[in-house]
Amino acid sequence: MKIFQKQGLEVIPLPVDYQTANTLQWTVFDLVDGAQNWNKLIHEIIGLFAYWITGKI
């Protein structure tokens, strides 16, 4: 969104590819799934940091 704003374009943020389960599983712990979620988060943070370092946002 910041990149579009820097270019002078107004955008409306909409969530896409929202991932959820059909049912909540409060008693199940999955180490692999948790690691994959952390991997996604770190990937996005690194991307935002790289954009910030290069002056794109």
C-alpha atoms as a PDB file:
ATOM      1  CA  MET A   1       0.000   0.000   0.000  1.00  0.00           C
ATOM      2  CA  LYS A   2       2.857   2.357   0.828  1.00  0.00           C
ATOM      3  CA  ILE A   3       4.380   1.796  -2.605  1.00  0.00           C
ATOM      4  CA  PHE A   4       1.136   2.770  -4.328  1.00  0.00           C
ATOM      5  CA  GLN A   5       0.778   5.829  -2.094  1.00  0.00           C
ATOM      6  CA  LYS A   6       4.337   6.893  -2.865  1.00  0.00           C
ATOM      7  CA  GLN A   7       3.413   6.793  -6.561  1.00  0.00           C
ATOM      8  CA  GLY A   8       0.359   8.995  -5.893  1.00  0.00           C
ATOM      9  CA  LEU A   9      -2.221   6.224  -6.272  1.00  0.00           C
ATOM     10  CA  GLU A  10      -5.030   5.799  -3.783  1.00  0.00           C
ATOM     11  CA  VAL A  11      -5.808   2.185  -2.987  1.00  0.00           C
ATOM     12  CA  ILE A  12      -8.365   0.389  -0.859  1.00  0.00           C
ATOM     13  CA  PRO A  13      -6.766  -2.518   1.020  1.00  0.00           C
ATOM     14  CA  LEU A  14      -8.761  -5.734   0.868  1.00  0.00           C
ATOM     15  CA  PRO A  15      -7.739  -9.020   2.492  1.00  0.00           C
ATOM     16  CA  VAL A  16      -7.017 -11.784  -0.008  1.00  0.00           C
ATOM     17  CA  ASP A  17      -6.001 -15.411   0.358  1.00  0.00           C
ATOM     18  CA  TYR A  18      -7.223 -15.479   3.945  1.00  0.00           C
ATOM     19  CA  GLN A  19      -6.429 -18.923   5.292  1.00  0.00           C
ATOM     20  CA  THR A  20      -8.622 -20.530   7.913  1.00  0.00           C
ATOM     21  CA  ALA A  21      -9.810 -23.953   8.945  1.00  0.00           C
ATOM     22  CA  ASN A  22     -13.402 -25.180   8.803  1.00  0.00           C
ATOM     23  CA  THR A  23     -13.322 -25.769  12.554  1.00  0.00           C
ATOM     24  CA  LEU A  24     -11.186 -24.464  15.376  1.00  0.00           C
ATOM     25  CA  GLN A  25      -8.924 -27.041  16.952  1.00  0.00           C
ATOM     26  CA  TRP A  26      -7.946 -25.729  20.356  1.00  0.00           C
ATOM     27  CA  THR A  27      -6.421 -28.986  21.612  1.00  0.00           C
ATOM     28  CA  VAL A  28      -4.219 -29.828  18.635  1.00  0.00           C
ATOM     29  CA  PHE A  29      -0.631 -28.602  18.516  1.00  0.00           C
ATOM     30  CA  ASP A  30       1.215 -28.919  15.232  1.00  0.00           C
ATOM     31  CA  LEU A  31       4.869 -27.921  15.312  1.00  0.00           C
ATOM     32  CA  VAL A  32       5.257 -28.068  11.512  1.00  0.00           C
ATOM     33  CA  ASP A  33       2.217 -25.831  10.913  1.00  0.00           C
ATOM     34  CA  GLY A  34       3.475 -23.358  13.493  1.00  0.00           C
ATOM     35  CA  ALA A  35       6.905 -23.260  11.844  1.00  0.00           C
ATOM     36  CA  GLN A  36       5.299 -22.638   8.438  1.00  0.00           C
ATOM     37  CA  ASN A  37       3.307 -19.726   9.872  1.00  0.00           C
ATOM     38  CA  TRP A  38       6.484 -18.217  11.329  1.00  0.00           C
ATOM     39  CA  ASN A  39       8.181 -18.695   7.961  1.00  0.00           C
ATOM     40  CA  LYS A  40       5.397 -16.720   6.243  1.00  0.00           C
ATOM     41  CA  LEU A  41       5.627 -13.936   8.807  1.00  0.00           C
ATOM     42  CA  ILE A  42       9.405 -13.635   8.578  1.00  0.00           C
ATOM     43  CA  HIS A  43       9.211 -13.667   4.766  1.00  0.00           C
ATOM     44  CA  GLU A  44       6.839 -10.677   4.806  1.00  0.00           C
ATOM     45  CA  ILE A  45       8.901  -8.784   7.387  1.00  0.00           C
ATOM     46  CA  ILE A  46      12.096  -9.265   5.372  1.00  0.00           C
ATOM     47  CA  GLY A  47      10.302  -8.061   2.243  1.00  0.00           C
ATOM     48  CA  LEU A  48       9.050  -4.917   3.989  1.00  0.00           C
ATOM     49  CA  PHE A  49      12.508  -4.290   5.438  1.00  0.00           C
ATOM     50  CA  ALA A  50      14.111  -4.661   2.001  1.00  0.00           C
ATOM     51  CA  TYR A  51      11.607  -2.185   0.534  1.00  0.00           C
ATOM     52  CA  TRP A  52      12.336   0.230   3.398  1.00  0.00           C
ATOM     53  CA  ILE A  53      16.120  -0.075   2.917  1.00  0.00           C
ATOM     54  CA  THR A  54      15.856   0.530  -0.834  1.00  0.00           C
ATOM     55  CA  GLY A  55      13.588   3.551  -0.304  1.00  0.00           C
ATOM     56  CA  LYS A  56      10.545   2.065  -1.994  1.00  0.00           C
ATOM     57  CA  ILE A  57       8.392   2.769   1.066  1.00  0.00           C
END
